[in-house]
Every structure is written in C-alpha cells, then in structure tokens.
Amino acid sequence: LAAARGLDLSAHRSRGLDEHATAIADLLLTMTREQADLIGARTN
C-alpha cells in the first residue's frame, strides 16, 4: 500500500519504544488511547 503511493517501507524493521526513544521524542503519536495511557504510565 505504501509502495503504491511512492513510499518505501522495505527497509523498515520493528523496534520497541524504550526509555531513550521516549525521552528524545518531542512528539509521540499513538494509534490508540490505550497505547498513550501505557506510555504515560511508563514515563513521568
């Protein structure tokens, strides 16, 4: 679906949201409220 729109996801490899990734993000955008709440519970 991405390729049909000229976007390339072939090199993507999954990674977990760890403390460092959370700390350096100026903006975290989740797909669900549950995910946002989980991030909020993990990180003050």
All heavy atoms as atom14 arrays in JSON, in Angstrom:
{
  "sequence": "LAAARGLDLSAHRSRGLDEHATAIADLLLTMTREQADLIGARTN",
  "atom14_mask": [
    [1, 1, 1, 1, 1, 1, 1, 1, 0, 0, 0, 0, 0, 0],
    [1, 1, 1, 1, 1, 0, 0, 0, 0, 0, 0, 0, 0, 0],
    [1, 1, 1, 1, 1, 0, 0, 0, 0, 0, 0, 0, 0, 0],
    [1, 1, 1, 1, 1, 0, 0, 0, 0, 0, 0, 0, 0, 0],
    [1, 1, 1, 1, 1, 1, 1, 1, 1, 1, 1, 0, 0, 0],
    [1, 1, 1, 1, 0, 0, 0, 0, 0, 0, 0, 0, 0, 0],
    [1, 1, 1, 1, 1, 1, 1, 1, 0, 0, 0, 0, 0, 0],
    [1, 1, 1, 1, 1, 1, 1, 1, 0, 0, 0, 0, 0, 0],
    [1, 1, 1, 1, 1, 1, 1, 1, 0, 0, 0, 0, 0, 0],
    [1, 1, 1, 1, 1, 1, 0, 0, 0, 0, 0, 0, 0, 0],
    [1, 1, 1, 1, 1, 0, 0, 0, 0, 0, 0, 0, 0, 0],
    [1, 1, 1, 1, 1, 1, 1, 1, 1, 1, 0, 0, 0, 0],
    [1, 1, 1, 1, 1, 1, 1, 1, 1, 1, 1, 0, 0, 0],
    [1, 1, 1, 1, 1, 1, 0, 0, 0, 0, 0, 0, 0, 0],
    [1, 1, 1, 1, 1, 1, 1, 1, 1, 1, 1, 0, 0, 0],
    [1, 1, 1, 1, 0, 0, 0, 0, 0, 0, 0, 0, 0, 0],
    [1, 1, 1, 1, 1, 1, 1, 1, 0, 0, 0, 0, 0, 0],
    [1, 1, 1, 1, 1, 1, 1, 1, 0, 0, 0, 0, 0, 0],
    [1, 1, 1, 1, 1, 1, 1, 1, 1, 0, 0, 0, 0, 0],
    [1, 1, 1, 1, 1, 1, 1, 1, 1, 1, 0, 0, 0, 0],
    [1, 1, 1, 1, 1, 0, 0, 0, 0, 0, 0, 0, 0, 0],
    [1, 1, 1, 1, 1, 1, 1, 0, 0, 0, 0, 0, 0, 0],
    [1, 1, 1, 1, 1, 0, 0, 0, 0, 0, 0, 0, 0, 0],
    [1, 1, 1, 1, 1, 1, 1, 1, 0, 0, 0, 0, 0, 0],
    [1, 1, 1, 1, 1, 0, 0, 0, 0, 0, 0, 0, 0, 0],
    [1, 1, 1, 1, 1, 1, 1, 1, 0, 0, 0, 0, 0, 0],
    [1, 1, 1, 1, 1, 1, 1, 1, 0, 0, 0, 0, 0, 0],
    [1, 1, 1, 1, 1, 1, 1, 1, 0, 0, 0, 0, 0, 0],
    [1, 1, 1, 1, 1, 1, 1, 1, 0, 0, 0, 0, 0, 0],
    [1, 1, 1, 1, 1, 1, 1, 0, 0, 0, 0, 0, 0, 0],
    [1, 1, 1, 1, 1, 1, 1, 1, 0, 0, 0, 0, 0, 0],
    [1, 1, 1, 1, 1, 1, 1, 0, 0, 0, 0, 0, 0, 0],
    [1, 1, 1, 1, 1, 1, 1, 1, 1, 1, 1, 0, 0, 0],
    [1, 1, 1, 1, 1, 1, 1, 1, 1, 0, 0, 0, 0, 0],
    [1, 1, 1, 1, 1, 1, 1, 1, 1, 0, 0, 0, 0, 0],
    [1, 1, 1, 1, 1, 0, 0, 0, 0, 0, 0, 0, 0, 0],
    [1, 1, 1, 1, 1, 1, 1, 1, 0, 0, 0, 0, 0, 0],
    [1, 1, 1, 1, 1, 1, 1, 1, 0, 0, 0, 0, 0, 0],
    [1, 1, 1, 1, 1, 1, 1, 1, 0, 0, 0, 0, 0, 0],
    [1, 1, 1, 1, 0, 0, 0, 0, 0, 0, 0, 0, 0, 0],
    [1, 1, 1, 1, 1, 0, 0, 0, 0, 0, 0, 0, 0, 0],
    [1, 1, 1, 1, 1, 1, 1, 1, 1, 1, 1, 0, 0, 0],
    [1, 1, 1, 1, 1, 1, 1, 0, 0, 0, 0, 0, 0, 0],
    [1, 1, 1, 1, 1, 1, 1, 1, 0, 0, 0, 0, 0, 0]
  ],
  "atom14_positions": [
    [[0.83, -1.21, 0.0], [0.0, 0.0, 0.0], [0.86, 1.26, 0.0], [0.56, 2.24, -0.69], [-0.93, 0.0, 1.22], [-2.06, -1.03, 1.16], [-2.64, -1.27, 2.56], [-3.14, -0.57, 0.19], [0.0, 0.0, 0.0], [0.0, 0.0, 0.0], [0.0, 0.0, 0.0], [0.0, 0.0, 0.0], [0.0, 0.0, 0.0], [0.0, 0.0, 0.0]],
    [[1.94, 1.23, 0.76], [2.87, 2.36, 0.78], [3.53, 2.53, -0.59], [3.62, 3.65, -1.11], [3.91, 2.17, 1.87], [0.0, 0.0, 0.0], [0.0, 0.0, 0.0], [0.0, 0.0, 0.0], [0.0, 0.0, 0.0], [0.0, 0.0, 0.0], [0.0, 0.0, 0.0], [0.0, 0.0, 0.0], [0.0, 0.0, 0.0], [0.0, 0.0, 0.0]],
    [[3.99, 1.43, -1.17], [4.67, 1.49, -2.47], [3.76, 2.06, -3.55], [4.21, 2.81, -4.42], [5.16, 0.1, -2.86], [0.0, 0.0, 0.0], [0.0, 0.0, 0.0], [0.0, 0.0, 0.0], [0.0, 0.0, 0.0], [0.0, 0.0, 0.0], [0.0, 0.0, 0.0], [0.0, 0.0, 0.0], [0.0, 0.0, 0.0], [0.0, 0.0, 0.0]],
    [[2.46, 1.75, -3.48], [1.51, 2.28, -4.45], [1.39, 3.8, -4.37], [0.91, 4.44, -5.31], [0.14, 1.64, -4.24], [0.0, 0.0, 0.0], [0.0, 0.0, 0.0], [0.0, 0.0, 0.0], [0.0, 0.0, 0.0], [0.0, 0.0, 0.0], [0.0, 0.0, 0.0], [0.0, 0.0, 0.0], [0.0, 0.0, 0.0], [0.0, 0.0, 0.0]],
    [[1.84, 4.37, -3.27], [1.81, 5.82, -3.08], [3.21, 6.43, -3.13], [3.43, 7.55, -2.7], [1.14, 6.16, -1.76], [-0.38, 5.92, -1.84], [-0.9, 5.43, -0.52], [-2.33, 5.19, -0.55], [-2.88, 4.01, -0.82], [-2.13, 2.96, -1.11], [-4.19, 3.87, -0.8], [0.0, 0.0, 0.0], [0.0, 0.0, 0.0], [0.0, 0.0, 0.0]],
    [[4.17, 5.64, -3.59], [5.53, 6.14, -3.74], [6.34, 6.16, -2.46], [7.36, 6.84, -2.38], [0.0, 0.0, 0.0], [0.0, 0.0, 0.0], [0.0, 0.0, 0.0], [0.0, 0.0, 0.0], [0.0, 0.0, 0.0], [0.0, 0.0, 0.0], [0.0, 0.0, 0.0], [0.0, 0.0, 0.0], [0.0, 0.0, 0.0], [0.0, 0.0, 0.0]],
    [[5.88, 5.41, -1.45], [6.58, 5.34, -0.17], [7.22, 3.98, -0.01], [6.63, 2.96, -0.39], [5.61, 5.6, 0.99], [4.79, 6.88, 0.9], [3.73, 6.91, 1.99], [5.68, 8.09, 0.97], [0.0, 0.0, 0.0], [0.0, 0.0, 0.0], [0.0, 0.0, 0.0], [0.0, 0.0, 0.0], [0.0, 0.0, 0.0], [0.0, 0.0, 0.0]],
    [[8.4, 3.93, 0.56], [9.15, 2.68, 0.66], [9.28, 2.23, 2.12], [9.96, 2.88, 2.91], [10.54, 2.87, 0.04], [11.34, 1.58, -0.03], [10.79, 0.5, 0.31], [12.51, 1.65, -0.43], [0.0, 0.0, 0.0], [0.0, 0.0, 0.0], [0.0, 0.0, 0.0], [0.0, 0.0, 0.0], [0.0, 0.0, 0.0], [0.0, 0.0, 0.0]],
    [[8.63, 1.13, 2.46], [8.75, 0.54, 3.8], [9.62, -0.71, 3.79], [9.69, -1.41, 4.8], [7.36, 0.18, 4.34], [6.41, 1.32, 4.66], [5.09, 0.78, 5.19], [7.03, 2.28, 5.65], [0.0, 0.0, 0.0], [0.0, 0.0, 0.0], [0.0, 0.0, 0.0], [0.0, 0.0, 0.0], [0.0, 0.0, 0.0], [0.0, 0.0, 0.0]],
    [[10.29, -1.01, 2.69], [11.03, -2.27, 2.58], [12.18, -2.38, 3.58], [12.51, -3.47, 4.02], [11.55, -2.47, 1.15], [12.47, -1.44, 0.82], [0.0, 0.0, 0.0], [0.0, 0.0, 0.0], [0.0, 0.0, 0.0], [0.0, 0.0, 0.0], [0.0, 0.0, 0.0], [0.0, 0.0, 0.0], [0.0, 0.0, 0.0], [0.0, 0.0, 0.0]],
    [[12.79, -1.26, 3.94], [13.92, -1.3, 4.88], [13.48, -1.24, 6.33], [14.3, -1.4, 7.24], [14.89, -0.16, 4.59], [0.0, 0.0, 0.0], [0.0, 0.0, 0.0], [0.0, 0.0, 0.0], [0.0, 0.0, 0.0], [0.0, 0.0, 0.0], [0.0, 0.0, 0.0], [0.0, 0.0, 0.0], [0.0, 0.0, 0.0], [0.0, 0.0, 0.0]],
    [[12.19, -1.03, 6.57], [11.72, -0.89, 7.95], [11.92, -2.18, 8.73], [11.64, -3.28, 8.25], [10.24, -0.52, 7.98], [9.67, -0.56, 9.37], [9.89, 0.45, 10.28], [8.96, -1.52, 10.02], [9.3, 0.11, 11.43], [8.73, -1.06, 11.3], [0.0, 0.0, 0.0], [0.0, 0.0, 0.0], [0.0, 0.0, 0.0], [0.0, 0.0, 0.0]],
    [[12.39, -2.03, 9.97], [12.47, -3.15, 10.92], [11.91, -2.64, 12.24], [12.24, -1.53, 12.69], [13.91, -3.64, 11.11], [14.53, -4.26, 9.85], [13.77, -5.5, 9.38], [14.31, -6.07, 8.16], [13.89, -5.81, 6.93], [12.91, -4.92, 6.75], [14.42, -6.4, 5.89], [0.0, 0.0, 0.0], [0.0, 0.0, 0.0], [0.0, 0.0, 0.0]],
    [[11.09, -3.44, 12.86], [10.41, -3.03, 14.09], [11.4, -2.78, 15.22], [12.47, -3.37, 15.28], [9.39, -4.09, 14.5], [10.05, -5.32, 14.72], [0.0, 0.0, 0.0], [0.0, 0.0, 0.0], [0.0, 0.0, 0.0], [0.0, 0.0, 0.0], [0.0, 0.0, 0.0], [0.0, 0.0, 0.0], [0.0, 0.0, 0.0], [0.0, 0.0, 0.0]],
    [[10.98, -1.89, 16.12], [11.75, -1.62, 17.33], [10.79, -1.25, 18.44], [9.7, -0.72, 18.2], [12.78, -0.52, 17.11], [12.2, 0.85, 16.93], [13.29, 1.89, 16.65], [12.73, 3.22, 16.65], [12.97, 4.14, 17.57], [13.77, 3.87, 18.59], [12.42, 5.33, 17.5], [0.0, 0.0, 0.0], [0.0, 0.0, 0.0], [0.0, 0.0, 0.0]],
    [[11.21, -1.51, 19.65], [10.4, -1.2, 20.81], [10.56, 0.25, 21.24], [11.59, 0.88, 20.98], [0.0, 0.0, 0.0], [0.0, 0.0, 0.0], [0.0, 0.0, 0.0], [0.0, 0.0, 0.0], [0.0, 0.0, 0.0], [0.0, 0.0, 0.0], [0.0, 0.0, 0.0], [0.0, 0.0, 0.0], [0.0, 0.0, 0.0], [0.0, 0.0, 0.0]],
    [[9.53, 0.75, 21.89], [9.59, 2.1, 22.45], [10.23, 2.0, 23.83], [9.58, 1.64, 24.8], [8.2, 2.72, 22.55], [8.16, 4.16, 23.05], [8.75, 5.11, 22.01], [6.74, 4.57, 23.4], [0.0, 0.0, 0.0], [0.0, 0.0, 0.0], [0.0, 0.0, 0.0], [0.0, 0.0, 0.0], [0.0, 0.0, 0.0], [0.0, 0.0, 0.0]],
    [[11.52, 2.31, 23.9], [12.23, 2.22, 25.17], [12.33, 3.61, 25.81], [11.82, 4.59, 25.27], [13.62, 1.6, 24.98], [14.49, 2.36, 23.99], [14.23, 3.55, 23.72], [15.46, 1.75, 23.48], [0.0, 0.0, 0.0], [0.0, 0.0, 0.0], [0.0, 0.0, 0.0], [0.0, 0.0, 0.0], [0.0, 0.0, 0.0], [0.0, 0.0, 0.0]],
    [[12.98, 3.68, 26.95], [13.1, 4.95, 27.68], [13.81, 6.02, 26.86], [13.41, 7.18, 26.87], [13.84, 4.73, 29.0], [13.03, 4.0, 30.05], [13.81, 3.83, 31.35], [14.68, 4.68, 31.64], [13.54, 2.85, 32.07], [0.0, 0.0, 0.0], [0.0, 0.0, 0.0], [0.0, 0.0, 0.0], [0.0, 0.0, 0.0], [0.0, 0.0, 0.0]],
    [[14.87, 5.62, 26.16], [15.61, 6.59, 25.35], [14.74, 7.15, 24.23], [14.69, 8.38, 24.02], [16.87, 5.95, 24.76], [17.62, 6.86, 23.84], [18.32, 7.95, 24.29], [17.75, 6.84, 22.49], [18.87, 8.58, 23.25], [18.53, 7.92, 22.16], [0.0, 0.0, 0.0], [0.0, 0.0, 0.0], [0.0, 0.0, 0.0], [0.0, 0.0, 0.0]],
    [[14.03, 6.27, 23.52], [13.17, 6.72, 22.42], [12.07, 7.64, 22.92], [11.72, 8.63, 22.27], [12.58, 5.52, 21.69], [0.0, 0.0, 0.0], [0.0, 0.0, 0.0], [0.0, 0.0, 0.0], [0.0, 0.0, 0.0], [0.0, 0.0, 0.0], [0.0, 0.0, 0.0], [0.0, 0.0, 0.0], [0.0, 0.0, 0.0], [0.0, 0.0, 0.0]],
    [[11.55, 7.35, 24.1], [10.52, 8.21, 24.69], [11.11, 9.55, 25.09], [10.51, 10.6, 24.87], [9.88, 7.52, 25.91], [9.33, 6.26, 25.5], [8.78, 8.36, 26.5], [0.0, 0.0, 0.0], [0.0, 0.0, 0.0], [0.0, 0.0, 0.0], [0.0, 0.0, 0.0], [0.0, 0.0, 0.0], [0.0, 0.0, 0.0], [0.0, 0.0, 0.0]],
    [[12.3, 9.53, 25.65], [12.92, 10.76, 26.15], [13.28, 11.73, 25.02], [13.15, 12.95, 25.19], [14.17, 10.42, 26.95], [0.0, 0.0, 0.0], [0.0, 0.0, 0.0], [0.0, 0.0, 0.0], [0.0, 0.0, 0.0], [0.0, 0.0, 0.0], [0.0, 0.0, 0.0], [0.0, 0.0, 0.0], [0.0, 0.0, 0.0], [0.0, 0.0, 0.0]],
    [[13.73, 11.22, 23.88], [14.17, 12.12, 22.81], [13.03, 12.63, 21.94], [13.21, 13.58, 21.19], [15.26, 11.48, 21.93], [14.71, 10.28, 21.16], [16.49, 11.12, 22.75], [15.65, 9.75, 20.1], [0.0, 0.0, 0.0], [0.0, 0.0, 0.0], [0.0, 0.0, 0.0], [0.0, 0.0, 0.0], [0.0, 0.0, 0.0], [0.0, 0.0, 0.0]],
    [[11.86, 12.03, 22.04], [10.74, 12.45, 21.2], [10.13, 13.76, 21.69], [9.77, 13.89, 22.86], [9.68, 11.36, 21.17], [0.0, 0.0, 0.0], [0.0, 0.0, 0.0], [0.0, 0.0, 0.0], [0.0, 0.0, 0.0], [0.0, 0.0, 0.0], [0.0, 0.0, 0.0], [0.0, 0.0, 0.0], [0.0, 0.0, 0.0], [0.0, 0.0, 0.0]],
    [[10.03, 14.7, 20.79], [9.32, 15.94, 21.1], [7.81, 15.74, 20.99], [7.04, 16.47, 21.58], [9.74, 17.05, 20.13], [11.21, 17.39, 20.26], [11.61, 17.84, 21.34], [11.95, 17.18, 19.27], [0.0, 0.0, 0.0], [0.0, 0.0, 0.0], [0.0, 0.0, 0.0], [0.0, 0.0, 0.0], [0.0, 0.0, 0.0], [0.0, 0.0, 0.0]],
    [[7.42, 14.75, 20.19], [6.02, 14.44, 19.98], [5.87, 12.94, 19.77], [6.53, 12.36, 18.91], [5.48, 15.19, 18.75], [4.03, 14.96, 18.36], [3.08, 15.37, 19.49], [3.7, 15.71, 17.07], [0.0, 0.0, 0.0], [0.0, 0.0, 0.0], [0.0, 0.0, 0.0], [0.0, 0.0, 0.0], [0.0, 0.0, 0.0], [0.0, 0.0, 0.0]],
    [[5.04, 12.32, 20.6], [4.73, 10.89, 20.48], [3.28, 10.78, 20.03], [2.38, 11.32, 20.69], [4.91, 10.19, 21.82], [6.35, 10.09, 22.33], [6.38, 10.09, 23.84], [7.0, 8.84, 21.78], [0.0, 0.0, 0.0], [0.0, 0.0, 0.0], [0.0, 0.0, 0.0], [0.0, 0.0, 0.0], [0.0, 0.0, 0.0], [0.0, 0.0, 0.0]],
    [[3.05, 10.1, 18.92], [1.7, 9.95, 18.39], [1.33, 8.47, 18.34], [1.93, 7.71, 17.58], [1.62, 10.57, 16.99], [1.75, 12.09, 17.0], [1.97, 12.63, 15.6], [0.51, 12.72, 17.63], [0.0, 0.0, 0.0], [0.0, 0.0, 0.0], [0.0, 0.0, 0.0], [0.0, 0.0, 0.0], [0.0, 0.0, 0.0], [0.0, 0.0, 0.0]],
    [[0.38, 8.1, 19.17], [-0.04, 6.7, 19.24], [-1.24, 6.46, 18.34], [-1.9, 7.4, 17.87], [-0.4, 6.3, 20.68], [-1.61, 6.98, 21.06], [0.72, 6.63, 21.65], [0.0, 0.0, 0.0], [0.0, 0.0, 0.0], [0.0, 0.0, 0.0], [0.0, 0.0, 0.0], [0.0, 0.0, 0.0], [0.0, 0.0, 0.0], [0.0, 0.0, 0.0]],
    [[-1.56, 5.18, 18.16], [-2.72, 4.81, 17.36], [-3.96, 4.64, 18.23], [-5.08, 4.69, 17.72], [-2.45, 3.51, 16.59], [-1.28, 3.6, 15.63], [-1.5, 4.83, 14.31], [-0.16, 5.97, 14.68], [0.0, 0.0, 0.0], [0.0, 0.0, 0.0], [0.0, 0.0, 0.0], [0.0, 0.0, 0.0], [0.0, 0.0, 0.0], [0.0, 0.0, 0.0]],
    [[-3.78, 4.42, 19.54], [-4.92, 4.2, 20.44], [-4.72, 4.92, 21.77], [-3.59, 5.22, 22.16], [-5.13, 2.71, 20.73], [-4.04, 2.23, 21.53], [-5.26, 1.87, 19.47], [0.0, 0.0, 0.0], [0.0, 0.0, 0.0], [0.0, 0.0, 0.0], [0.0, 0.0, 0.0], [0.0, 0.0, 0.0], [0.0, 0.0, 0.0], [0.0, 0.0, 0.0]],
    [[-5.82, 5.16, 22.46], [-5.77, 5.73, 23.8], [-5.03, 4.79, 24.75], [-4.27, 5.24, 25.61], [-7.2, 6.0, 24.29], [-7.34, 6.34, 25.77], [-6.57, 7.55, 26.22], [-6.8, 8.69, 25.35], [-5.95, 9.71, 25.23], [-4.82, 9.74, 25.92], [-6.21, 10.72, 24.41], [0.0, 0.0, 0.0], [0.0, 0.0, 0.0], [0.0, 0.0, 0.0]],
    [[-5.24, 3.49, 24.61], [-4.57, 2.53, 25.49], [-3.05, 2.65, 25.37], [-2.35, 2.62, 26.38], [-5.02, 1.11, 25.13], [-4.47, 0.05, 26.03], [-4.98, -1.35, 25.69], [-5.89, -1.48, 24.85], [-4.45, -2.31, 26.27], [0.0, 0.0, 0.0], [0.0, 0.0, 0.0], [0.0, 0.0, 0.0], [0.0, 0.0, 0.0], [0.0, 0.0, 0.0]],
    [[-2.55, 2.82, 24.16], [-1.1, 2.99, 23.98], [-0.62, 4.29, 24.61], [0.43, 4.31, 25.27], [-0.76, 2.97, 22.48], [-1.0, 1.63, 21.83], [-1.18, 1.71, 20.33], [-1.1, 2.78, 19.73], [-1.44, 0.56, 19.71], [0.0, 0.0, 0.0], [0.0, 0.0, 0.0], [0.0, 0.0, 0.0], [0.0, 0.0, 0.0], [0.0, 0.0, 0.0]],
    [[-1.37, 5.37, 24.44], [-0.98, 6.64, 25.05], [-0.97, 6.54, 26.57], [-0.05, 7.04, 27.23], [-1.92, 7.75, 24.59], [0.0, 0.0, 0.0], [0.0, 0.0, 0.0], [0.0, 0.0, 0.0], [0.0, 0.0, 0.0], [0.0, 0.0, 0.0], [0.0, 0.0, 0.0], [0.0, 0.0, 0.0], [0.0, 0.0, 0.0], [0.0, 0.0, 0.0]],
    [[-1.99, 5.87, 27.11], [-2.04, 5.7, 28.57], [-0.88, 4.85, 29.07], [-0.32, 5.12, 30.14], [-3.38, 5.07, 28.98], [-4.55, 6.03, 28.8], [-4.32, 7.25, 28.6], [-5.7, 5.55, 28.82], [0.0, 0.0, 0.0], [0.0, 0.0, 0.0], [0.0, 0.0, 0.0], [0.0, 0.0, 0.0], [0.0, 0.0, 0.0], [0.0, 0.0, 0.0]],
    [[-0.52, 3.82, 28.32], [0.6, 2.97, 28.7], [1.91, 3.77, 28.73], [2.7, 3.66, 29.67], [0.71, 1.78, 27.75], [1.86, 0.8, 28.03], [1.72, 0.16, 29.4], [1.89, -0.27, 26.94], [0.0, 0.0, 0.0], [0.0, 0.0, 0.0], [0.0, 0.0, 0.0], [0.0, 0.0, 0.0], [0.0, 0.0, 0.0], [0.0, 0.0, 0.0]],
    [[2.12, 4.59, 27.71], [3.32, 5.43, 27.68], [3.32, 6.38, 28.87], [4.34, 6.58, 29.53], [3.42, 6.19, 26.35], [3.64, 5.2, 25.2], [4.54, 7.23, 26.39], [3.47, 5.81, 23.82], [0.0, 0.0, 0.0], [0.0, 0.0, 0.0], [0.0, 0.0, 0.0], [0.0, 0.0, 0.0], [0.0, 0.0, 0.0], [0.0, 0.0, 0.0]],
    [[2.17, 6.97, 29.16], [2.06, 7.87, 30.3], [2.34, 7.18, 31.62], [2.95, 7.78, 32.52], [0.0, 0.0, 0.0], [0.0, 0.0, 0.0], [0.0, 0.0, 0.0], [0.0, 0.0, 0.0], [0.0, 0.0, 0.0], [0.0, 0.0, 0.0], [0.0, 0.0, 0.0], [0.0, 0.0, 0.0], [0.0, 0.0, 0.0], [0.0, 0.0, 0.0]],
    [[1.93, 5.92, 31.74], [2.19, 5.17, 32.96], [3.66, 4.8, 33.1], [4.19, 4.7, 34.21], [1.33, 3.9, 32.99], [0.0, 0.0, 0.0], [0.0, 0.0, 0.0], [0.0, 0.0, 0.0], [0.0, 0.0, 0.0], [0.0, 0.0, 0.0], [0.0, 0.0, 0.0], [0.0, 0.0, 0.0], [0.0, 0.0, 0.0], [0.0, 0.0, 0.0]],
    [[4.33, 4.6, 31.98], [5.75, 4.22, 32.0], [6.67, 5.41, 32.24], [7.78, 5.25, 32.75], [6.14, 3.6, 30.64], [5.63, 2.22, 30.37], [6.12, 1.78, 29.0], [5.67, 0.45, 28.64], [5.87, -0.09, 27.45], [6.52, 0.58, 26.5], [5.44, -1.32, 27.19], [0.0, 0.0, 0.0], [0.0, 0.0, 0.0], [0.0, 0.0, 0.0]],
    [[6.26, 6.61, 31.82], [7.17, 7.75, 31.8], [6.5, 8.98, 32.41], [5.48, 9.44, 31.89], [7.59, 8.08, 30.35], [8.06, 6.89, 29.72], [8.67, 9.14, 30.32], [0.0, 0.0, 0.0], [0.0, 0.0, 0.0], [0.0, 0.0, 0.0], [0.0, 0.0, 0.0], [0.0, 0.0, 0.0], [0.0, 0.0, 0.0], [0.0, 0.0, 0.0]],
    [[7.08, 9.52, 33.44], [6.55, 10.75, 34.05], [6.76, 11.93, 33.12], [7.77, 12.03, 32.43], [7.27, 11.05, 35.38], [6.88, 10.07, 36.46], [5.78, 9.54, 36.46], [7.78, 9.85, 37.4], [0.0, 0.0, 0.0], [0.0, 0.0, 0.0], [0.0, 0.0, 0.0], [0.0, 0.0, 0.0], [0.0, 0.0, 0.0], [0.0, 0.0, 0.0]]
  ]
}
